[in-house]
Amino acid sequence: MARRNDHTREQLIALTLKTVKEFLEDNSYHELSLRKIANMIGYVPSTLVNVFGNYNLLLLHAVAQTIDELSVEAKKVVNKSKDPKTALYQLAYLYHEFAQRHPHRWQLIFEHNMNGETLPEWQSERIDNMTGMLESLLRVLAPQRSDAEVLQASRVLWSGVHGITLLSVDDKFFAAEPIDGNQLIENLLSNYLANW
């Protein structure tokens, strides 16, 4: 077993999150526990509690890391797009593709529960940055719309894309023929934007 002083606090955080990330590439977070993570990195569970506060916050840090990665990819896609409408489509496709590439990490983002605790500000900011990207694109596409209308449209589109992504990742379309999630997303966005 490693001793507390074998790593700095920052090194231990990085080692723990790297281990969780690698585990989630092939396994569900349901197979994780504080004890299992501690064993994988050679520490005792109480050391991880001292560093992260509790198991729930440790998982929230793993969620934050995933959101940061998605955010970096999203910014690249939006910046490379030739216009806001293309950027909106590319952002939705990226969301779907990211979930396909990292299903267990993506699942943790949406199944993680604070169990009554307040979401830390550092996590709220991440979520606001991601939803803000979508809202900014919609504002450019429809400058005549109010903030409330933009907010509502962003949530409708995100909910629709999220639902398609969820069904696609879990292969729950229940159709005889394979269904392309990106085609469904294109259909959703085209119809919604045409009527908005």
C-alpha atoms as a PDB file:
ATOM      1  CA  MET A   1       0.000   0.000   0.000  1.00  0.00           C
ATOM      2  CA  ALA A   2       1.270   3.444  -0.862  1.00  0.00           C
ATOM      3  CA  ARG A   3       1.755   5.861   1.964  1.00  0.00           C
ATOM      4  CA  ARG A   4       0.053   9.235   2.076  1.00  0.00           C
ATOM      5  CA  ASN A   5       3.317  11.042   1.276  1.00  0.00           C
ATOM      6  CA  ASP A   6       4.143   8.936  -1.814  1.00  0.00           C
ATOM      7  CA  HIS A   7       2.201  11.483  -3.902  1.00  0.00           C
ATOM      8  CA  THR A   8       1.339  15.124  -3.486  1.00  0.00           C
ATOM      9  CA  ARG A   9      -2.348  15.953  -3.168  1.00  0.00           C
ATOM     10  CA  GLU A  10      -2.417  17.104  -6.811  1.00  0.00           C
ATOM     11  CA  GLN A  11      -0.656  13.927  -7.973  1.00  0.00           C
ATOM     12  CA  LEU A  12      -3.089  11.770  -6.019  1.00  0.00           C
ATOM     13  CA  ILE A  13      -6.070  13.610  -7.535  1.00  0.00           C
ATOM     14  CA  ALA A  14      -4.623  13.163 -11.035  1.00  0.00           C
ATOM     15  CA  LEU A  15      -3.799   9.471 -10.410  1.00  0.00           C
ATOM     16  CA  THR A  16      -7.279   8.781  -9.030  1.00  0.00           C
ATOM     17  CA  LEU A  17      -9.107  10.511 -11.887  1.00  0.00           C
ATOM     18  CA  LYS A  18      -6.875   8.858 -14.500  1.00  0.00           C
ATOM     19  CA  THR A  19      -7.638   5.462 -12.938  1.00  0.00           C
ATOM     20  CA  VAL A  20     -11.390   6.127 -12.890  1.00  0.00           C
ATOM     21  CA  LYS A  21     -11.293   7.369 -16.493  1.00  0.00           C
ATOM     22  CA  GLU A  22      -9.421   4.257 -17.663  1.00  0.00           C
ATOM     23  CA  PHE A  23     -11.789   1.980 -15.752  1.00  0.00           C
ATOM     24  CA  LEU A  24     -14.824   3.656 -17.327  1.00  0.00           C
ATOM     25  CA  GLU A  25     -13.514   3.083 -20.850  1.00  0.00           C
ATOM     26  CA  ASP A  26     -14.616  -0.557 -20.547  1.00  0.00           C
ATOM     27  CA  ASN A  27     -16.785  -0.756 -17.435  1.00  0.00           C
ATOM     28  CA  SER A  28     -19.839   0.876 -15.924  1.00  0.00           C
ATOM     29  CA  TYR A  29     -19.455   3.176 -12.924  1.00  0.00           C
ATOM     30  CA  HIS A  30     -21.868   0.792 -11.169  1.00  0.00           C
ATOM     31  CA  GLU A  31     -18.895  -1.571 -10.843  1.00  0.00           C
ATOM     32  CA  LEU A  32     -16.860   1.073  -9.004  1.00  0.00           C
ATOM     33  CA  SER A  33     -16.638   1.759  -5.308  1.00  0.00           C
ATOM     34  CA  LEU A  34     -14.406   3.873  -3.103  1.00  0.00           C
ATOM     35  CA  ARG A  35     -12.633   0.739  -1.891  1.00  0.00           C
ATOM     36  CA  LYS A  36     -12.105  -0.543  -5.440  1.00  0.00           C
ATOM     37  CA  ILE A  37     -10.620   2.761  -6.623  1.00  0.00           C
ATOM     38  CA  ALA A  38      -8.373   2.926  -3.557  1.00  0.00           C
ATOM     39  CA  ASN A  39      -7.152  -0.624  -4.199  1.00  0.00           C
ATOM     40  CA  MET A  40      -6.462   0.135  -7.873  1.00  0.00           C
ATOM     41  CA  ILE A  41      -4.179   3.031  -6.961  1.00  0.00           C
ATOM     42  CA  GLY A  42      -2.639   1.421  -3.867  1.00  0.00           C
ATOM     43  CA  TYR A  43      -4.160   3.635  -1.185  1.00  0.00           C
ATOM     44  CA  VAL A  44      -6.705   3.119   1.561  1.00  0.00           C
ATOM     45  CA  PRO A  45     -10.247   4.495   1.099  1.00  0.00           C
ATOM     46  CA  SER A  46      -9.845   7.013   3.938  1.00  0.00           C
ATOM     47  CA  THR A  47      -7.032   8.720   2.000  1.00  0.00           C
ATOM     48  CA  LEU A  48      -9.403   9.328  -0.911  1.00  0.00           C
ATOM     49  CA  VAL A  49     -12.056  10.656   1.474  1.00  0.00           C
ATOM     50  CA  ASN A  50      -9.462  13.061   2.910  1.00  0.00           C
ATOM     51  CA  VAL A  51      -8.589  14.274  -0.599  1.00  0.00           C
ATOM     52  CA  PHE A  52     -12.033  14.419  -2.259  1.00  0.00           C
ATOM     53  CA  GLY A  53     -14.383  14.797   0.718  1.00  0.00           C
ATOM     54  CA  ASN A  54     -16.474  11.732  -0.089  1.00  0.00           C
ATOM     55  CA  TYR A  55     -17.064   9.165  -2.830  1.00  0.00           C
ATOM     56  CA  ASN A  56     -19.841  11.235  -4.381  1.00  0.00           C
ATOM     57  CA  LEU A  57     -17.493  14.208  -4.844  1.00  0.00           C
ATOM     58  CA  LEU A  58     -14.790  11.926  -6.242  1.00  0.00           C
ATOM     59  CA  LEU A  59     -17.243  10.800  -8.930  1.00  0.00           C
ATOM     60  CA  LEU A  60     -18.277  14.413  -9.509  1.00  0.00           C
ATOM     61  CA  HIS A  61     -14.631  15.242 -10.261  1.00  0.00           C
ATOM     62  CA  ALA A  62     -14.632  12.407 -12.814  1.00  0.00           C
ATOM     63  CA  VAL A  63     -17.811  13.893 -14.320  1.00  0.00           C
ATOM     64  CA  ALA A  64     -16.147  17.314 -14.456  1.00  0.00           C
ATOM     65  CA  GLN A  65     -13.165  15.850 -16.285  1.00  0.00           C
ATOM     66  CA  THR A  66     -15.471  14.294 -18.891  1.00  0.00           C
ATOM     67  CA  ILE A  67     -17.427  17.532 -19.329  1.00  0.00           C
ATOM     68  CA  ASP A  68     -14.138  19.405 -19.772  1.00  0.00           C
ATOM     69  CA  GLU A  69     -13.108  17.014 -22.549  1.00  0.00           C
ATOM     70  CA  LEU A  70     -16.498  17.343 -24.240  1.00  0.00           C
ATOM     71  CA  SER A  71     -16.294  21.130 -23.907  1.00  0.00           C
ATOM     72  CA  VAL A  72     -12.867  21.281 -25.573  1.00  0.00           C
ATOM     73  CA  GLU A  73     -14.133  19.184 -28.484  1.00  0.00           C
ATOM     74  CA  ALA A  74     -17.329  21.270 -28.694  1.00  0.00           C
ATOM     75  CA  LYS A  75     -15.416  24.554 -28.886  1.00  0.00           C
ATOM     76  CA  LYS A  76     -13.228  23.178 -31.688  1.00  0.00           C
ATOM     77  CA  VAL A  77     -16.263  22.040 -33.675  1.00  0.00           C
ATOM     78  CA  VAL A  78     -18.077  25.352 -33.218  1.00  0.00           C
ATOM     79  CA  ASN A  79     -14.977  27.392 -34.107  1.00  0.00           C
ATOM     80  CA  LYS A  80     -14.360  25.365 -37.277  1.00  0.00           C
ATOM     81  CA  SER A  81     -17.942  25.694 -38.501  1.00  0.00           C
ATOM     82  CA  LYS A  82     -18.592  28.171 -41.290  1.00  0.00           C
ATOM     83  CA  ASP A  83     -21.846  29.536 -39.840  1.00  0.00           C
ATOM     84  CA  PRO A  84     -23.991  29.263 -36.676  1.00  0.00           C
ATOM     85  CA  LYS A  85     -26.476  26.801 -38.175  1.00  0.00           C
ATOM     86  CA  THR A  86     -23.710  24.419 -39.227  1.00  0.00           C
ATOM     87  CA  ALA A  87     -22.126  24.861 -35.802  1.00  0.00           C
ATOM     88  CA  LEU A  88     -25.413  23.917 -34.135  1.00  0.00           C
ATOM     89  CA  TYR A  89     -25.673  20.713 -36.158  1.00  0.00           C
ATOM     90  CA  GLN A  90     -22.005  19.864 -35.599  1.00  0.00           C
ATOM     91  CA  LEU A  91     -22.398  20.437 -31.867  1.00  0.00           C
ATOM     92  CA  ALA A  92     -25.357  18.035 -31.751  1.00  0.00           C
ATOM     93  CA  TYR A  93     -23.501  15.403 -33.800  1.00  0.00           C
ATOM     94  CA  LEU A  94     -20.472  15.742 -31.533  1.00  0.00           C
ATOM     95  CA  TYR A  95     -22.632  15.178 -28.444  1.00  0.00           C
ATOM     96  CA  HIS A  96     -23.946  11.948 -29.969  1.00  0.00           C
ATOM     97  CA  GLU A  97     -20.517  10.789 -31.154  1.00  0.00           C
ATOM     98  CA  PHE A  98     -18.831  11.581 -27.824  1.00  0.00           C
ATOM     99  CA  ALA A  99     -21.405   9.430 -26.036  1.00  0.00           C
ATOM    100  CA  GLN A 100     -20.816   6.630 -28.558  1.00  0.00           C
ATOM    101  CA  ARG A 101     -17.053   6.785 -27.948  1.00  0.00           C
ATOM    102  CA  HIS A 102     -17.306   6.990 -24.148  1.00  0.00           C
ATOM    103  CA  PRO A 103     -20.628   5.395 -23.155  1.00  0.00           C
ATOM    104  CA  HIS A 104     -19.728   4.628 -19.538  1.00  0.00           C
ATOM    105  CA  ARG A 105     -18.254   8.065 -18.844  1.00  0.00           C
ATOM    106  CA  TRP A 106     -21.211   9.728 -20.569  1.00  0.00           C
ATOM    107  CA  GLN A 107     -23.623   7.592 -18.528  1.00  0.00           C
ATOM    108  CA  LEU A 108     -21.962   8.740 -15.308  1.00  0.00           C
ATOM    109  CA  ILE A 109     -22.535  12.402 -16.231  1.00  0.00           C
ATOM    110  CA  PHE A 110     -26.289  11.940 -16.339  1.00  0.00           C
ATOM    111  CA  GLU A 111     -26.751   9.319 -13.667  1.00  0.00           C
ATOM    112  CA  HIS A 112     -24.565  10.912 -11.028  1.00  0.00           C
ATOM    113  CA  ASN A 113     -26.679  12.197  -8.157  1.00  0.00           C
ATOM    114  CA  MET A 114     -25.695  14.708  -5.491  1.00  0.00           C
ATOM    115  CA  ASN A 115     -28.031  12.936  -3.048  1.00  0.00           C
ATOM    116  CA  GLY A 116     -29.404  16.177  -1.662  1.00  0.00           C
ATOM    117  CA  GLU A 117     -26.060  18.003  -1.509  1.00  0.00           C
ATOM    118  CA  THR A 118     -25.717  21.297  -3.347  1.00  0.00           C
ATOM    119  CA  LEU A 119     -23.920  21.096  -6.674  1.00  0.00           C
ATOM    120  CA  PRO A 120     -20.556  22.846  -6.235  1.00  0.00           C
ATOM    121  CA  GLU A 121     -20.102  26.130  -8.099  1.00  0.00           C
ATOM    122  CA  TRP A 122     -17.190  24.687 -10.120  1.00  0.00           C
ATOM    123  CA  GLN A 123     -19.539  22.088 -11.581  1.00  0.00           C
ATOM    124  CA  SER A 124     -22.427  24.509 -12.155  1.00  0.00           C
ATOM    125  CA  GLU A 125     -20.062  26.706 -14.188  1.00  0.00           C
ATOM    126  CA  ARG A 126     -19.145  23.766 -16.430  1.00  0.00           C
ATOM    127  CA  ILE A 127     -22.780  23.001 -17.132  1.00  0.00           C
ATOM    128  CA  ASP A 128     -23.543  26.678 -17.789  1.00  0.00           C
ATOM    129  CA  ASN A 129     -20.629  26.871 -20.229  1.00  0.00           C
ATOM    130  CA  MET A 130     -21.927  23.893 -22.203  1.00  0.00           C
ATOM    131  CA  THR A 131     -25.538  25.079 -22.337  1.00  0.00           C
ATOM    132  CA  GLY A 132     -24.326  28.628 -22.972  1.00  0.00           C
ATOM    133  CA  MET A 133     -22.617  27.488 -26.154  1.00  0.00           C
ATOM    134  CA  LEU A 134     -25.940  26.234 -27.504  1.00  0.00           C
ATOM    135  CA  GLU A 135     -27.795  29.358 -26.389  1.00  0.00           C
ATOM    136  CA  SER A 136     -25.209  31.604 -28.090  1.00  0.00           C
ATOM    137  CA  LEU A 137     -25.689  29.828 -31.402  1.00  0.00           C
ATOM    138  CA  LEU A 138     -29.466  30.122 -31.142  1.00  0.00           C
ATOM    139  CA  ARG A 139     -29.208  33.847 -30.347  1.00  0.00           C
ATOM    140  CA  VAL A 140     -27.210  34.402 -33.535  1.00  0.00           C
ATOM    141  CA  LEU A 141     -29.673  32.329 -35.565  1.00  0.00           C
ATOM    142  CA  ALA A 142     -32.716  34.157 -34.171  1.00  0.00           C
ATOM    143  CA  PRO A 143     -31.728  37.571 -32.758  1.00  0.00           C
ATOM    144  CA  GLN A 144     -35.385  38.586 -32.572  1.00  0.00           C
ATOM    145  CA  ARG A 145     -36.106  35.932 -29.941  1.00  0.00           C
ATOM    146  CA  SER A 146     -36.197  36.820 -26.245  1.00  0.00           C
ATOM    147  CA  ASP A 147     -33.797  35.316 -23.722  1.00  0.00           C
ATOM    148  CA  ALA A 148     -36.629  33.162 -22.380  1.00  0.00           C
ATOM    149  CA  GLU A 149     -37.416  31.849 -25.881  1.00  0.00           C
ATOM    150  CA  VAL A 150     -33.751  31.097 -26.534  1.00  0.00           C
ATOM    151  CA  LEU A 151     -33.457  29.307 -23.196  1.00  0.00           C
ATOM    152  CA  GLN A 152     -36.558  27.236 -23.895  1.00  0.00           C
ATOM    153  CA  ALA A 153     -35.416  26.356 -27.429  1.00  0.00           C
ATOM    154  CA  SER A 154     -31.980  25.355 -26.166  1.00  0.00           C
ATOM    155  CA  ARG A 155     -33.532  22.998 -23.626  1.00  0.00           C
ATOM    156  CA  VAL A 156     -35.939  21.511 -26.177  1.00  0.00           C
ATOM    157  CA  LEU A 157     -33.097  20.837 -28.615  1.00  0.00           C
ATOM    158  CA  TRP A 158     -30.747  19.536 -25.941  1.00  0.00           C
ATOM    159  CA  SER A 159     -33.476  17.254 -24.544  1.00  0.00           C
ATOM    160  CA  GLY A 160     -34.229  15.894 -28.011  1.00  0.00           C
ATOM    161  CA  VAL A 161     -30.582  15.308 -28.887  1.00  0.00           C
ATOM    162  CA  HIS A 162     -29.983  13.788 -25.467  1.00  0.00           C
ATOM    163  CA  GLY A 163     -32.935  11.418 -25.870  1.00  0.00           C
ATOM    164  CA  ILE A 164     -31.755  10.291 -29.301  1.00  0.00           C
ATOM    165  CA  THR A 165     -28.248   9.840 -27.941  1.00  0.00           C
ATOM    166  CA  LEU A 166     -29.469   7.857 -24.956  1.00  0.00           C
ATOM    167  CA  LEU A 167     -31.508   5.497 -27.132  1.00  0.00           C
ATOM    168  CA  SER A 168     -28.667   5.198 -29.616  1.00  0.00           C
ATOM    169  CA  VAL A 169     -25.974   4.426 -27.017  1.00  0.00           C
ATOM    170  CA  ASP A 170     -28.215   1.870 -25.306  1.00  0.00           C
ATOM    171  CA  ASP A 171     -29.413   0.501 -28.684  1.00  0.00           C
ATOM    172  CA  LYS A 172     -33.053   0.922 -27.649  1.00  0.00           C
ATOM    173  CA  PHE A 173     -34.708   2.090 -30.857  1.00  0.00           C
ATOM    174  CA  PHE A 174     -36.497  -1.275 -31.167  1.00  0.00           C
ATOM    175  CA  ALA A 175     -36.513  -1.167 -34.954  1.00  0.00           C
ATOM    176  CA  ALA A 176     -36.004  -3.986 -37.446  1.00  0.00           C
ATOM    177  CA  GLU A 177     -33.577  -1.828 -39.434  1.00  0.00           C
ATOM    178  CA  PRO A 178     -30.550  -0.103 -37.908  1.00  0.00           C
ATOM    179  CA  ILE A 179     -31.237   3.542 -37.097  1.00  0.00           C
ATOM    180  CA  ASP A 180     -28.589   6.223 -37.479  1.00  0.00           C
ATOM    181  CA  GLY A 181     -28.701   8.574 -34.496  1.00  0.00           C
ATOM    182  CA  ASN A 182     -27.148  11.403 -36.521  1.00  0.00           C
ATOM    183  CA  GLN A 183     -29.952  11.167 -39.078  1.00  0.00           C
ATOM    184  CA  LEU A 184     -32.510  11.464 -36.294  1.00  0.00           C
ATOM    185  CA  ILE A 185     -30.652  14.458 -34.890  1.00  0.00           C
ATOM    186  CA  GLU A 186     -30.578  16.097 -38.327  1.00  0.00           C
ATOM    187  CA  ASN A 187     -34.323  15.494 -38.661  1.00  0.00           C
ATOM    188  CA  LEU A 188     -35.027  16.931 -35.211  1.00  0.00           C
ATOM    189  CA  LEU A 189     -32.943  20.074 -35.732  1.00  0.00           C
ATOM    190  CA  SER A 190     -34.195  20.741 -39.261  1.00  0.00           C
ATOM    191  CA  ASN A 191     -37.843  20.468 -38.293  1.00  0.00           C
ATOM    192  CA  TYR A 192     -37.509  22.381 -35.057  1.00  0.00           C
ATOM    193  CA  LEU A 193     -35.510  25.255 -36.550  1.00  0.00           C
ATOM    194  CA  ALA A 194     -37.817  25.507 -39.557  1.00  0.00           C
ATOM    195  CA  ASN A 195     -40.787  26.004 -37.240  1.00  0.00           C
ATOM    196  CA  TRP A 196     -39.010  28.159 -34.657  1.00  0.00           C
END
